[in-house]
């Protein structure tokens, strides 16, 4: 995804805030899904940021059932603690936030 894609999802998508991540979801046509992950320096050093991104990618691959037939673009902003928290706690929060973000009503198009 390019910067313009991220900005479009931020501006028009649904935002769900969790303890370890923030999810923005913008519904699209069909079942095609795109995932973007951001981790700022506030999250930690390069090793910590990369570990957090790897964990989110792994969750997205293994939790396909959470999304069902939903299609669109998803941006996950990693928050501090994402790389250190236990896997089960992170997976539970990821699933909860994804369900909330992908079932929210679509924002009006302006």
PDB file of N, CA and C in Angstrom:
ATOM      1  N   UNK A   1       0.843  -1.180   0.000  1.00  0.00           N
ATOM      2  CA  UNK A   1       0.000   0.000   0.000  1.00  0.00           C
ATOM      3  C   UNK A   1       0.884   1.237   0.000  1.00  0.00           C
ATOM      4  N   UNK A   2       0.388   2.267  -0.662  1.00  0.00           N
ATOM      5  CA  UNK A   2       1.120   3.533  -0.727  1.00  0.00           C
ATOM      6  C   UNK A   2       0.563   4.497   0.320  1.00  0.00           C
ATOM      7  N   UNK A   3       1.279   5.567   0.521  1.00  0.00           N
ATOM      8  CA  UNK A   3       0.868   6.578   1.497  1.00  0.00           C
ATOM      9  C   UNK A   3      -0.539   7.093   1.211  1.00  0.00           C
ATOM     10  N   UNK A   4      -0.859   7.317  -0.054  1.00  0.00           N
ATOM     11  CA  UNK A   4      -2.194   7.809  -0.402  1.00  0.00           C
ATOM     12  C   UNK A   4      -3.277   6.806  -0.010  1.00  0.00           C
ATOM     13  N   UNK A   5      -2.975   5.504  -0.094  1.00  0.00           N
ATOM     14  CA  UNK A   5      -3.926   4.470   0.330  1.00  0.00           C
ATOM     15  C   UNK A   5      -4.151   4.539   1.839  1.00  0.00           C
ATOM     16  N   UNK A   6      -3.059   4.694   2.584  1.00  0.00           N
ATOM     17  CA  UNK A   6      -3.163   4.804   4.035  1.00  0.00           C
ATOM     18  C   UNK A   6      -4.013   6.018   4.409  1.00  0.00           C
ATOM     19  N   UNK A   7      -3.744   7.154   3.764  1.00  0.00           N
ATOM     20  CA  UNK A   7      -4.478   8.385   4.078  1.00  0.00           C
ATOM     21  C   UNK A   7      -5.966   8.240   3.776  1.00  0.00           C
ATOM     22  N   UNK A   8      -6.297   7.559   2.674  1.00  0.00           N
ATOM     23  CA  UNK A   8      -7.696   7.334   2.315  1.00  0.00           C
ATOM     24  C   UNK A   8      -8.402   6.477   3.372  1.00  0.00           C
ATOM     25  N   UNK A   9      -7.733   5.442   3.857  1.00  0.00           N
ATOM     26  CA  UNK A   9      -8.323   4.573   4.878  1.00  0.00           C
ATOM     27  C   UNK A   9      -8.481   5.338   6.192  1.00  0.00           C
ATOM     28  N   UNK A  10      -7.481   6.142   6.560  1.00  0.00           N
ATOM     29  CA  UNK A  10      -7.577   6.945   7.778  1.00  0.00           C
ATOM     30  C   UNK A  10      -8.749   7.918   7.699  1.00  0.00           C
ATOM     31  N   UNK A  11      -8.920   8.555   6.545  1.00  0.00           N
ATOM     32  CA  UNK A  11      -9.954   9.584   6.396  1.00  0.00           C
ATOM     33  C   UNK A  11     -11.361   9.000   6.325  1.00  0.00           C
ATOM     34  N   UNK A  12     -11.527   7.888   5.640  1.00  0.00           N
ATOM     35  CA  UNK A  12     -12.872   7.388   5.405  1.00  0.00           C
ATOM     36  C   UNK A  12     -13.231   6.106   6.101  1.00  0.00           C
ATOM     37  N   UNK A  13     -12.295   5.513   6.813  1.00  0.00           N
ATOM     38  CA  UNK A  13     -12.536   4.205   7.423  1.00  0.00           C
ATOM     39  C   UNK A  13     -13.074   4.264   8.832  1.00  0.00           C
ATOM     40  N   UNK A  14     -13.400   3.098   9.326  1.00  0.00           N
ATOM     41  CA  UNK A  14     -13.853   2.930  10.696  1.00  0.00           C
ATOM     42  C   UNK A  14     -12.638   2.719  11.583  1.00  0.00           C
ATOM     43  N   UNK A  15     -12.600   3.400  12.720  1.00  0.00           N
ATOM     44  CA  UNK A  15     -11.455   3.319  13.639  1.00  0.00           C
ATOM     45  C   UNK A  15     -11.864   2.566  14.895  1.00  0.00           C
ATOM     46  N   UNK A  16     -11.044   1.570  15.260  1.00  0.00           N
ATOM     47  CA  UNK A  16     -11.269   0.812  16.491  1.00  0.00           C
ATOM     48  C   UNK A  16      -9.957   0.829  17.277  1.00  0.00           C
ATOM     49  N   UNK A  17     -10.023   1.308  18.512  1.00  0.00           N
ATOM     50  CA  UNK A  17      -8.828   1.450  19.343  1.00  0.00           C
ATOM     51  C   UNK A  17      -8.768   0.325  20.361  1.00  0.00           C
ATOM     52  N   UNK A  18      -7.615  -0.322  20.418  1.00  0.00           N
ATOM     53  CA  UNK A  18      -7.359  -1.355  21.412  1.00  0.00           C
ATOM     54  C   UNK A  18      -6.142  -0.976  22.240  1.00  0.00           C
ATOM     55  N   UNK A  19      -5.808  -1.810  23.187  1.00  0.00           N
ATOM     56  CA  UNK A  19      -4.672  -1.531  24.054  1.00  0.00           C
ATOM     57  C   UNK A  19      -3.347  -1.617  23.306  1.00  0.00           C
ATOM     58  N   UNK A  20      -3.219  -2.589  22.398  1.00  0.00           N
ATOM     59  CA  UNK A  20      -1.954  -2.827  21.712  1.00  0.00           C
ATOM     60  C   UNK A  20      -1.975  -2.477  20.230  1.00  0.00           C
ATOM     61  N   UNK A  21      -3.140  -2.119  19.697  1.00  0.00           N
ATOM     62  CA  UNK A  21      -3.218  -1.772  18.288  1.00  0.00           C
ATOM     63  C   UNK A  21      -4.447  -0.923  18.009  1.00  0.00           C
ATOM     64  N   UNK A  22      -4.382  -0.190  16.898  1.00  0.00           N
ATOM     65  CA  UNK A  22      -5.507   0.604  16.419  1.00  0.00           C
ATOM     66  C   UNK A  22      -5.771   0.127  14.998  1.00  0.00           C
ATOM     67  N   UNK A  23      -7.025  -0.207  14.711  1.00  0.00           N
ATOM     68  CA  UNK A  23      -7.381  -0.727  13.398  1.00  0.00           C
ATOM     69  C   UNK A  23      -8.292   0.258  12.684  1.00  0.00           C
ATOM     70  N   UNK A  24      -7.952   0.532  11.427  1.00  0.00           N
ATOM     71  CA  UNK A  24      -8.779   1.334  10.539  1.00  0.00           C
ATOM     72  C   UNK A  24      -9.216   0.406   9.414  1.00  0.00           C
ATOM     73  N   UNK A  25     -10.515   0.362   9.126  1.00  0.00           N
ATOM     74  CA  UNK A  25     -11.031  -0.513   8.071  1.00  0.00           C
ATOM     75  C   UNK A  25     -11.929   0.287   7.144  1.00  0.00           C
ATOM     76  N   UNK A  26     -11.670   0.170   5.863  1.00  0.00           N
ATOM     77  CA  UNK A  26     -12.473   0.838   4.839  1.00  0.00           C
ATOM     78  C   UNK A  26     -13.013  -0.231   3.910  1.00  0.00           C
ATOM     79  N   UNK A  27     -14.331  -0.429   3.938  1.00  0.00           N
ATOM     80  CA  UNK A  27     -14.958  -1.461   3.110  1.00  0.00           C
ATOM     81  C   UNK A  27     -14.819  -1.113   1.638  1.00  0.00           C
ATOM     82  N   UNK A  28     -14.669  -2.153   0.836  1.00  0.00           N
ATOM     83  CA  UNK A  28     -14.527  -1.969  -0.605  1.00  0.00           C
ATOM     84  C   UNK A  28     -15.433  -2.920  -1.357  1.00  0.00           C
ATOM     85  N   UNK A  29     -15.198  -3.010  -2.626  1.00  0.00           N
ATOM     86  CA  UNK A  29     -15.993  -3.892  -3.482  1.00  0.00           C
ATOM     87  C   UNK A  29     -15.428  -5.308  -3.449  1.00  0.00           C
ATOM     88  N   UNK A  30     -16.294  -6.309  -3.431  1.00  0.00           N
ATOM     89  CA  UNK A  30     -15.867  -7.709  -3.499  1.00  0.00           C
ATOM     90  C   UNK A  30     -15.229  -8.192  -2.218  1.00  0.00           C
ATOM     91  N   UNK A  31     -14.434  -9.252  -2.365  1.00  0.00           N
ATOM     92  CA  UNK A  31     -13.805  -9.887  -1.206  1.00  0.00           C
ATOM     93  C   UNK A  31     -12.304  -9.626  -1.125  1.00  0.00           C
ATOM     94  N   UNK A  32     -11.795  -8.746  -1.952  1.00  0.00           N
ATOM     95  CA  UNK A  32     -10.358  -8.457  -1.955  1.00  0.00           C
ATOM     96  C   UNK A  32     -10.007  -7.675  -0.695  1.00  0.00           C
ATOM     97  N   UNK A  33      -8.960  -8.121  -0.004  1.00  0.00           N
ATOM     98  CA  UNK A  33      -8.510  -7.444   1.219  1.00  0.00           C
ATOM     99  C   UNK A  33      -7.059  -7.036   1.050  1.00  0.00           C
ATOM    100  N   UNK A  34      -6.773  -5.845   1.557  1.00  0.00           N
ATOM    101  CA  UNK A  34      -5.397  -5.360   1.591  1.00  0.00           C
ATOM    102  C   UNK A  34      -5.089  -4.974   3.027  1.00  0.00           C
ATOM    103  N   UNK A  35      -3.870  -5.291   3.467  1.00  0.00           N
ATOM    104  CA  UNK A  35      -3.465  -5.023   4.842  1.00  0.00           C
ATOM    105  C   UNK A  35      -2.226  -4.151   4.840  1.00  0.00           C
ATOM    106  N   UNK A  36      -2.272  -3.086   5.625  1.00  0.00           N
ATOM    107  CA  UNK A  36      -1.118  -2.226   5.832  1.00  0.00           C
ATOM    108  C   UNK A  36      -0.831  -2.154   7.324  1.00  0.00           C
ATOM    109  N   UNK A  37       0.434  -2.161   7.697  1.00  0.00           N
ATOM    110  CA  UNK A  37       0.816  -2.130   9.109  1.00  0.00           C
ATOM    111  C   UNK A  37       1.804  -0.999   9.315  1.00  0.00           C
ATOM    112  N   UNK A  38       1.554  -0.186  10.346  1.00  0.00           N
ATOM    113  CA  UNK A  38       2.488   0.880  10.682  1.00  0.00           C
ATOM    114  C   UNK A  38       2.966   0.705  12.113  1.00  0.00           C
ATOM    115  N   UNK A  39       4.221   1.042  12.334  1.00  0.00           N
ATOM    116  CA  UNK A  39       4.805   1.005  13.675  1.00  0.00           C
ATOM    117  C   UNK A  39       5.763   2.187  13.772  1.00  0.00           C
ATOM    118  N   UNK A  40       5.440   3.153  14.628  1.00  0.00           N
ATOM    119  CA  UNK A  40       6.274   4.340  14.770  1.00  0.00           C
ATOM    120  C   UNK A  40       7.421   4.085  15.733  1.00  0.00           C
ATOM    121  N   UNK A  41       8.319   5.026  15.798  1.00  0.00           N
ATOM    122  CA  UNK A  41       9.470   4.896  16.706  1.00  0.00           C
ATOM    123  C   UNK A  41       9.057   4.904  18.167  1.00  0.00           C
ATOM    124  N   UNK A  42       7.876   5.449  18.449  1.00  0.00           N
ATOM    125  CA  UNK A  42       7.390   5.420  19.838  1.00  0.00           C
ATOM    126  C   UNK A  42       7.159   3.989  20.303  1.00  0.00           C
ATOM    127  N   UNK A  43       6.946   3.087  19.345  1.00  0.00           N
ATOM    128  CA  UNK A  43       6.729   1.678  19.664  1.00  0.00           C
ATOM    129  C   UNK A  43       7.991   1.055  20.233  1.00  0.00           C
ATOM    130  N   UNK A  44       9.148   1.461  19.710  1.00  0.00           N
ATOM    131  CA  UNK A  44      10.423   0.915  20.160  1.00  0.00           C
ATOM    132  C   UNK A  44      11.438   0.988  19.038  1.00  0.00           C
ATOM    133  N   UNK A  45      12.561   0.313  19.248  1.00  0.00           N
ATOM    134  CA  UNK A  45      13.611   0.284  18.235  1.00  0.00           C
ATOM    135  C   UNK A  45      13.197  -0.563  17.040  1.00  0.00           C
ATOM    136  N   UNK A  46      14.082  -0.654  16.061  1.00  0.00           N
ATOM    137  CA  UNK A  46      13.790  -1.371  14.819  1.00  0.00           C
ATOM    138  C   UNK A  46      13.433  -2.832  15.072  1.00  0.00           C
ATOM    139  N   UNK A  47      14.129  -3.485  15.979  1.00  0.00           N
ATOM    140  CA  UNK A  47      13.867  -4.892  16.274  1.00  0.00           C
ATOM    141  C   UNK A  47      12.458  -5.062  16.834  1.00  0.00           C
ATOM    142  N   UNK A  48      12.076  -4.191  17.744  1.00  0.00           N
ATOM    143  CA  UNK A  48      10.748  -4.258  18.359  1.00  0.00           C
ATOM    144  C   UNK A  48       9.669  -3.964  17.323  1.00  0.00           C
ATOM    145  N   UNK A  49       9.870  -2.949  16.500  1.00  0.00           N
ATOM    146  CA  UNK A  49       8.873  -2.600  15.469  1.00  0.00           C
ATOM    147  C   UNK A  49       8.689  -3.738  14.479  1.00  0.00           C
ATOM    148  N   UNK A  50       9.785  -4.332  14.036  1.00  0.00           N
ATOM    149  CA  UNK A  50       9.689  -5.433  13.082  1.00  0.00           C
ATOM    150  C   UNK A  50       9.023  -6.660  13.697  1.00  0.00           C
ATOM    151  N   UNK A  51       9.309  -6.927  14.956  1.00  0.00           N
ATOM    152  CA  UNK A  51       8.666  -8.069  15.630  1.00  0.00           C
ATOM    153  C   UNK A  51       7.169  -7.843  15.735  1.00  0.00           C
ATOM    154  N   UNK A  52       6.772  -6.626  16.075  1.00  0.00           N
ATOM    155  CA  UNK A  52       5.343  -6.309  16.179  1.00  0.00           C
ATOM    156  C   UNK A  52       4.659  -6.474  14.826  1.00  0.00           C
ATOM    157  N   UNK A  53       5.285  -6.013  13.754  1.00  0.00           N
ATOM    158  CA  UNK A  53       4.706  -6.161  12.411  1.00  0.00           C
ATOM    159  C   UNK A  53       4.586  -7.627  12.014  1.00  0.00           C
ATOM    160  N   UNK A  54       5.604  -8.417  12.329  1.00  0.00           N
ATOM    161  CA  UNK A  54       5.548  -9.853  12.017  1.00  0.00           C
ATOM    162  C   UNK A  54       4.404 -10.525  12.758  1.00  0.00           C
ATOM    163  N   UNK A  55       4.199 -10.151  14.019  1.00  0.00           N
ATOM    164  CA  UNK A  55       3.123 -10.745  14.804  1.00  0.00           C
ATOM    165  C   UNK A  55       1.752 -10.388  14.222  1.00  0.00           C
ATOM    166  N   UNK A  56       1.577  -9.152  13.788  1.00  0.00           N
ATOM    167  CA  UNK A  56       0.301  -8.735  13.203  1.00  0.00           C
ATOM    168  C   UNK A  56       0.062  -9.468  11.882  1.00  0.00           C
ATOM    169  N   UNK A  57       1.095  -9.596  11.060  1.00  0.00           N
ATOM    170  CA  UNK A  57       0.940 -10.340   9.799  1.00  0.00           C
ATOM    171  C   UNK A  57       0.552 -11.791  10.064  1.00  0.00           C
ATOM    172  N   UNK A  58       1.181 -12.406  11.063  1.00  0.00           N
ATOM    173  CA  UNK A  58       0.853 -13.798  11.404  1.00  0.00           C
ATOM    174  C   UNK A  58      -0.591 -13.904  11.886  1.00  0.00           C
ATOM    175  N   UNK A  59      -1.033 -12.955  12.686  1.00  0.00           N
ATOM    176  CA  UNK A  59      -2.426 -12.965  13.149  1.00  0.00           C
ATOM    177  C   UNK A  59      -3.388 -12.816  11.981  1.00  0.00           C
ATOM    178  N   UNK A  60      -3.072 -11.932  11.058  1.00  0.00           N
ATOM    179  CA  UNK A  60      -3.951 -11.716   9.908  1.00  0.00           C
ATOM    180  C   UNK A  60      -4.053 -12.988   9.060  1.00  0.00           C
ATOM    181  N   UNK A  61      -2.957 -13.715   8.925  1.00  0.00           N
ATOM    182  CA  UNK A  61      -2.985 -14.963   8.145  1.00  0.00           C
ATOM    183  C   UNK A  61      -3.771 -16.055   8.850  1.00  0.00           C
ATOM    184  N   UNK A  62      -3.596 -16.173  10.154  1.00  0.00           N
ATOM    185  CA  UNK A  62      -4.218 -17.284  10.878  1.00  0.00           C
ATOM    186  C   UNK A  62      -5.643 -16.997  11.317  1.00  0.00           C
ATOM    187  N   UNK A  63      -6.078 -15.760  11.243  1.00  0.00           N
ATOM    188  CA  UNK A  63      -7.432 -15.401  11.683  1.00  0.00           C
ATOM    189  C   UNK A  63      -8.327 -14.994  10.510  1.00  0.00           C
ATOM    190  N   UNK A  64      -8.192 -15.667   9.380  1.00  0.00           N
ATOM    191  CA  UNK A  64      -9.000 -15.371   8.193  1.00  0.00           C
ATOM    192  C   UNK A  64     -10.496 -15.486   8.482  1.00  0.00           C
ATOM    193  N   UNK A  65     -10.888 -16.411   9.349  1.00  0.00           N
ATOM    194  CA  UNK A  65     -12.311 -16.633   9.633  1.00  0.00           C
ATOM    195  C   UNK A  65     -12.970 -15.410  10.262  1.00  0.00           C
ATOM    196  N   UNK A  66     -12.194 -14.576  10.951  1.00  0.00           N
ATOM    197  CA  UNK A  66     -12.745 -13.382  11.589  1.00  0.00           C
ATOM    198  C   UNK A  66     -13.305 -12.431  10.531  1.00  0.00           C
ATOM    199  N   UNK A  67     -12.637 -12.360   9.393  1.00  0.00           N
ATOM    200  CA  UNK A  67     -13.054 -11.439   8.349  1.00  0.00           C
ATOM    201  C   UNK A  67     -14.170 -11.988   7.476  1.00  0.00           C
ATOM    202  N   UNK A  68     -14.267 -13.305   7.378  1.00  0.00           N
ATOM    203  CA  UNK A  68     -15.312 -13.901   6.558  1.00  0.00           C
ATOM    204  C   UNK A  68     -15.218 -13.437   5.116  1.00  0.00           C
ATOM    205  N   UNK A  69     -16.316 -12.931   4.579  1.00  0.00           N
ATOM    206  CA  UNK A  69     -16.359 -12.491   3.186  1.00  0.00           C
ATOM    207  C   UNK A  69     -16.149 -10.985   3.064  1.00  0.00           C
ATOM    208  N   UNK A  70     -15.728 -10.333   4.133  1.00  0.00           N
ATOM    209  CA  UNK A  70     -15.528  -8.884   4.117  1.00  0.00           C
ATOM    210  C   UNK A  70     -14.390  -8.536   3.180  1.00  0.00           C
ATOM    211  N   UNK A  71     -14.544  -7.474   2.422  1.00  0.00           N
ATOM    212  CA  UNK A  71     -13.497  -7.026   1.507  1.00  0.00           C
ATOM    213  C   UNK A  71     -13.232  -5.541   1.692  1.00  0.00           C
ATOM    214  N   UNK A  72     -12.004  -5.147   1.556  1.00  0.00           N
ATOM    215  CA  UNK A  72     -11.643  -3.740   1.689  1.00  0.00           C
ATOM    216  C   UNK A  72     -10.198  -3.596   2.112  1.00  0.00           C
ATOM    217  N   UNK A  73      -9.885  -2.444   2.668  1.00  0.00           N
ATOM    218  CA  UNK A  73      -8.526  -2.149   3.093  1.00  0.00           C
ATOM    219  C   UNK A  73      -8.475  -1.999   4.602  1.00  0.00           C
ATOM    220  N   UNK A  74      -7.428  -2.542   5.188  1.00  0.00           N
ATOM    221  CA  UNK A  74      -7.250  -2.506   6.640  1.00  0.00           C
ATOM    222  C   UNK A  74      -5.868  -1.943   6.930  1.00  0.00           C
ATOM    223  N   UNK A  75      -5.818  -1.007   7.870  1.00  0.00           N
ATOM    224  CA  UNK A  75      -4.539  -0.480   8.344  1.00  0.00           C
ATOM    225  C   UNK A  75      -4.475  -0.740   9.843  1.00  0.00           C
ATOM    226  N   UNK A  76      -3.395  -1.351  10.274  1.00  0.00           N
ATOM    227  CA  UNK A  76      -3.178  -1.636  11.689  1.00  0.00           C
ATOM    228  C   UNK A  76      -2.027  -0.773  12.171  1.00  0.00           C
ATOM    229  N   UNK A  77      -2.303   0.083  13.141  1.00  0.00           N
ATOM    230  CA  UNK A  77      -1.258   0.875  13.789  1.00  0.00           C
ATOM    231  C   UNK A  77      -0.867   0.152  15.065  1.00  0.00           C
ATOM    232  N   UNK A  78       0.398  -0.220  15.145  1.00  0.00           N
ATOM    233  CA  UNK A  78       0.912  -0.944  16.300  1.00  0.00           C
ATOM    234  C   UNK A  78       1.158   0.039  17.426  1.00  0.00           C
ATOM    235  N   UNK A  79       0.773  -0.343  18.632  1.00  0.00           N
ATOM    236  CA  UNK A  79       1.018   0.499  19.795  1.00  0.00           C
ATOM    237  C   UNK A  79       2.081  -0.139  20.686  1.00  0.00           C
ATOM    238  N   UNK A  80       2.573   0.648  21.607  1.00  0.00           N
ATOM    239  CA  UNK A  80       3.603   0.188  22.527  1.00  0.00           C
ATOM    240  C   UNK A  80       3.120  -1.057  23.279  1.00  0.00           C
ATOM    241  N   UNK A  81       3.967  -2.057  23.394  1.00  0.00           N
ATOM    242  CA  UNK A  81       3.624  -3.272  24.121  1.00  0.00           C
ATOM    243  C   UNK A  81       3.167  -4.406  23.223  1.00  0.00           C
ATOM    244  N   UNK A  82       2.919  -4.140  21.967  1.00  0.00           N
ATOM    245  CA  UNK A  82       2.426  -5.163  21.041  1.00  0.00           C
ATOM    246  C   UNK A  82       3.440  -6.302  20.871  1.00  0.00           C
ATOM    247  N   UNK A  83       4.707  -5.980  20.844  1.00  0.00           N
ATOM    248  CA  UNK A  83       5.743  -6.991  20.615  1.00  0.00           C
ATOM    249  C   UNK A  83       6.012  -7.829  21.860  1.00  0.00           C
ATOM    250  N   UNK A  84       5.667  -7.316  23.041  1.00  0.00           N
ATOM    251  CA  UNK A  84       5.990  -8.023  24.280  1.00  0.00           C
ATOM    252  C   UNK A  84       4.813  -8.772  24.901  1.00  0.00           C
ATOM    253  N   UNK A  85       3.595  -8.376  24.565  1.00  0.00           N
ATOM    254  CA  UNK A  85       2.420  -8.991  25.174  1.00  0.00           C
ATOM    255  C   UNK A  85       2.313 -10.457  24.739  1.00  0.00           C
ATOM    256  N   UNK A  86       1.671 -11.275  25.575  1.00  0.00           N
ATOM    257  CA  UNK A  86       1.482 -12.678  25.239  1.00  0.00           C
ATOM    258  C   UNK A  86       0.664 -12.868  23.971  1.00  0.00           C
ATOM    259  N   UNK A  87       0.934 -13.969  23.279  1.00  0.00           N
ATOM    260  CA  UNK A  87       0.274 -14.236  22.001  1.00  0.00           C
ATOM    261  C   UNK A  87      -1.237 -14.320  22.148  1.00  0.00           C
ATOM    262  N   UNK A  88      -1.717 -15.003  23.166  1.00  0.00           N
ATOM    263  CA  UNK A  88      -3.169 -15.186  23.321  1.00  0.00           C
ATOM    264  C   UNK A  88      -3.871 -13.854  23.589  1.00  0.00           C
ATOM    265  N   UNK A  89      -3.260 -12.988  24.382  1.00  0.00           N
ATOM    266  CA  UNK A  89      -3.863 -11.683  24.655  1.00  0.00           C
ATOM    267  C   UNK A  89      -3.893 -10.820  23.394  1.00  0.00           C
ATOM    268  N   UNK A  90      -2.822 -10.863  22.613  1.00  0.00           N
ATOM    269  CA  UNK A  90      -2.775 -10.096  21.379  1.00  0.00           C
ATOM    270  C   UNK A  90      -3.784 -10.639  20.363  1.00  0.00           C
ATOM    271  N   UNK A  91      -3.871 -11.958  20.256  1.00  0.00           N
ATOM    272  CA  UNK A  91      -4.814 -12.575  19.323  1.00  0.00           C
ATOM    273  C   UNK A  91      -6.251 -12.238  19.692  1.00  0.00           C
ATOM    274  N   UNK A  92      -6.567 -12.263  20.979  1.00  0.00           N
ATOM    275  CA  UNK A  92      -7.917 -11.932  21.446  1.00  0.00           C
ATOM    276  C   UNK A  92      -8.263 -10.482  21.102  1.00  0.00           C
ATOM    277  N   UNK A  93      -7.338  -9.577  21.348  1.00  0.00           N
ATOM    278  CA  UNK A  93      -7.593  -8.168  21.040  1.00  0.00           C
ATOM    279  C   UNK A  93      -7.697  -7.934  19.537  1.00  0.00           C
ATOM    280  N   UNK A  94      -6.849  -8.584  18.765  1.00  0.00           N
ATOM    281  CA  UNK A  94      -6.891  -8.454  17.312  1.00  0.00           C
ATOM    282  C   UNK A  94      -8.255  -8.901  16.778  1.00  0.00           C
ATOM    283  N   UNK A  95      -8.717 -10.056  17.227  1.00  0.00           N
ATOM    284  CA  UNK A  95     -10.012 -10.576  16.773  1.00  0.00           C
ATOM    285  C   UNK A  95     -11.148  -9.644  17.168  1.00  0.00           C
ATOM    286  N   UNK A  96     -11.129  -9.160  18.400  1.00  0.00           N
ATOM    287  CA  UNK A  96     -12.184  -8.269  18.877  1.00  0.00           C
ATOM    288  C   UNK A  96     -12.223  -6.982  18.054  1.00  0.00           C
ATOM    289  N   UNK A  97     -11.069  -6.384  17.844  1.00  0.00           N
ATOM    290  CA  UNK A  97     -11.001  -5.131  17.081  1.00  0.00           C
ATOM    291  C   UNK A  97     -11.380  -5.346  15.622  1.00  0.00           C
ATOM    292  N   UNK A  98     -10.949  -6.458  15.026  1.00  0.00           N
ATOM    293  CA  UNK A  98     -11.276  -6.728  13.631  1.00  0.00           C
ATOM    294  C   UNK A  98     -12.777  -6.945  13.454  1.00  0.00           C
ATOM    295  N   UNK A  99     -13.374  -7.690  14.360  1.00  0.00           N
ATOM    296  CA  UNK A  99     -14.830  -7.904  14.273  1.00  0.00           C
ATOM    297  C   UNK A  99     -15.568  -6.578  14.345  1.00  0.00           C
ATOM    298  N   UNK A 100     -15.153  -5.747  15.277  1.00  0.00           N
ATOM    299  CA  UNK A 100     -15.794  -4.449  15.465  1.00  0.00           C
ATOM    300  C   UNK A 100     -15.615  -3.556  14.240  1.00  0.00           C
ATOM    301  N   UNK A 101     -14.409  -3.546  13.692  1.00  0.00           N
ATOM    302  CA  UNK A 101     -14.102  -2.667  12.553  1.00  0.00           C
ATOM    303  C   UNK A 101     -14.795  -3.129  11.276  1.00  0.00           C
ATOM    304  N   UNK A 102     -14.910  -4.431  11.081  1.00  0.00           N
ATOM    305  CA  UNK A 102     -15.463  -4.931   9.825  1.00  0.00           C
ATOM    306  C   UNK A 102     -16.977  -5.087   9.862  1.00  0.00           C
ATOM    307  N   UNK A 103     -17.595  -4.956  11.032  1.00  0.00           N
ATOM    308  CA  UNK A 103     -19.050  -5.050  11.101  1.00  0.00           C
ATOM    309  C   UNK A 103     -19.683  -3.690  11.330  1.00  0.00           C
ATOM    310  N   UNK A 104     -18.878  -2.673  11.524  1.00  0.00           N
ATOM    311  CA  UNK A 104     -19.415  -1.322  11.733  1.00  0.00           C
ATOM    312  C   UNK A 104     -20.087  -0.846  10.453  1.00  0.00           C
ATOM    313  N   UNK A 105     -21.127  -0.030  10.578  1.00  0.00           N
ATOM    314  CA  UNK A 105     -21.763   0.492   9.363  1.00  0.00           C
ATOM    315  C   UNK A 105     -20.785   1.358   8.575  1.00  0.00           C
ATOM    316  N   UNK A 106     -20.941   1.339   7.258  1.00  0.00           N
ATOM    317  CA  UNK A 106     -20.068   2.127   6.403  1.00  0.00           C
ATOM    318  C   UNK A 106     -20.299   3.597   6.616  1.00  0.00           C
ATOM    319  N   UNK A 107     -19.222   4.384   6.709  1.00  0.00           N
ATOM    320  CA  UNK A 107     -19.390   5.837   6.862  1.00  0.00           C
ATOM    321  C   UNK A 107     -19.986   6.421   5.584  1.00  0.00           C
ATOM    322  N   UNK A 108     -20.743   7.508   5.703  1.00  0.00           N
ATOM    323  CA  UNK A 108     -21.335   8.094   4.498  1.00  0.00           C
ATOM    324  C   UNK A 108     -20.265   8.646   3.564  1.00  0.00           C
ATOM    325  N   UNK A 109     -20.514   8.511   2.286  1.00  0.00           N
ATOM    326  CA  UNK A 109     -19.562   9.016   1.287  1.00  0.00           C
ATOM    327  C   UNK A 109     -19.872  10.493   1.047  1.00  0.00           C
ATOM    328  N   UNK A 110     -18.843  11.318   1.175  1.00  0.00           N
ATOM    329  CA  UNK A 110     -19.079  12.761   0.992  1.00  0.00           C
ATOM    330  C   UNK A 110     -18.488  13.276  -0.276  1.00  0.00           C
TER     331      UNK A 110
END
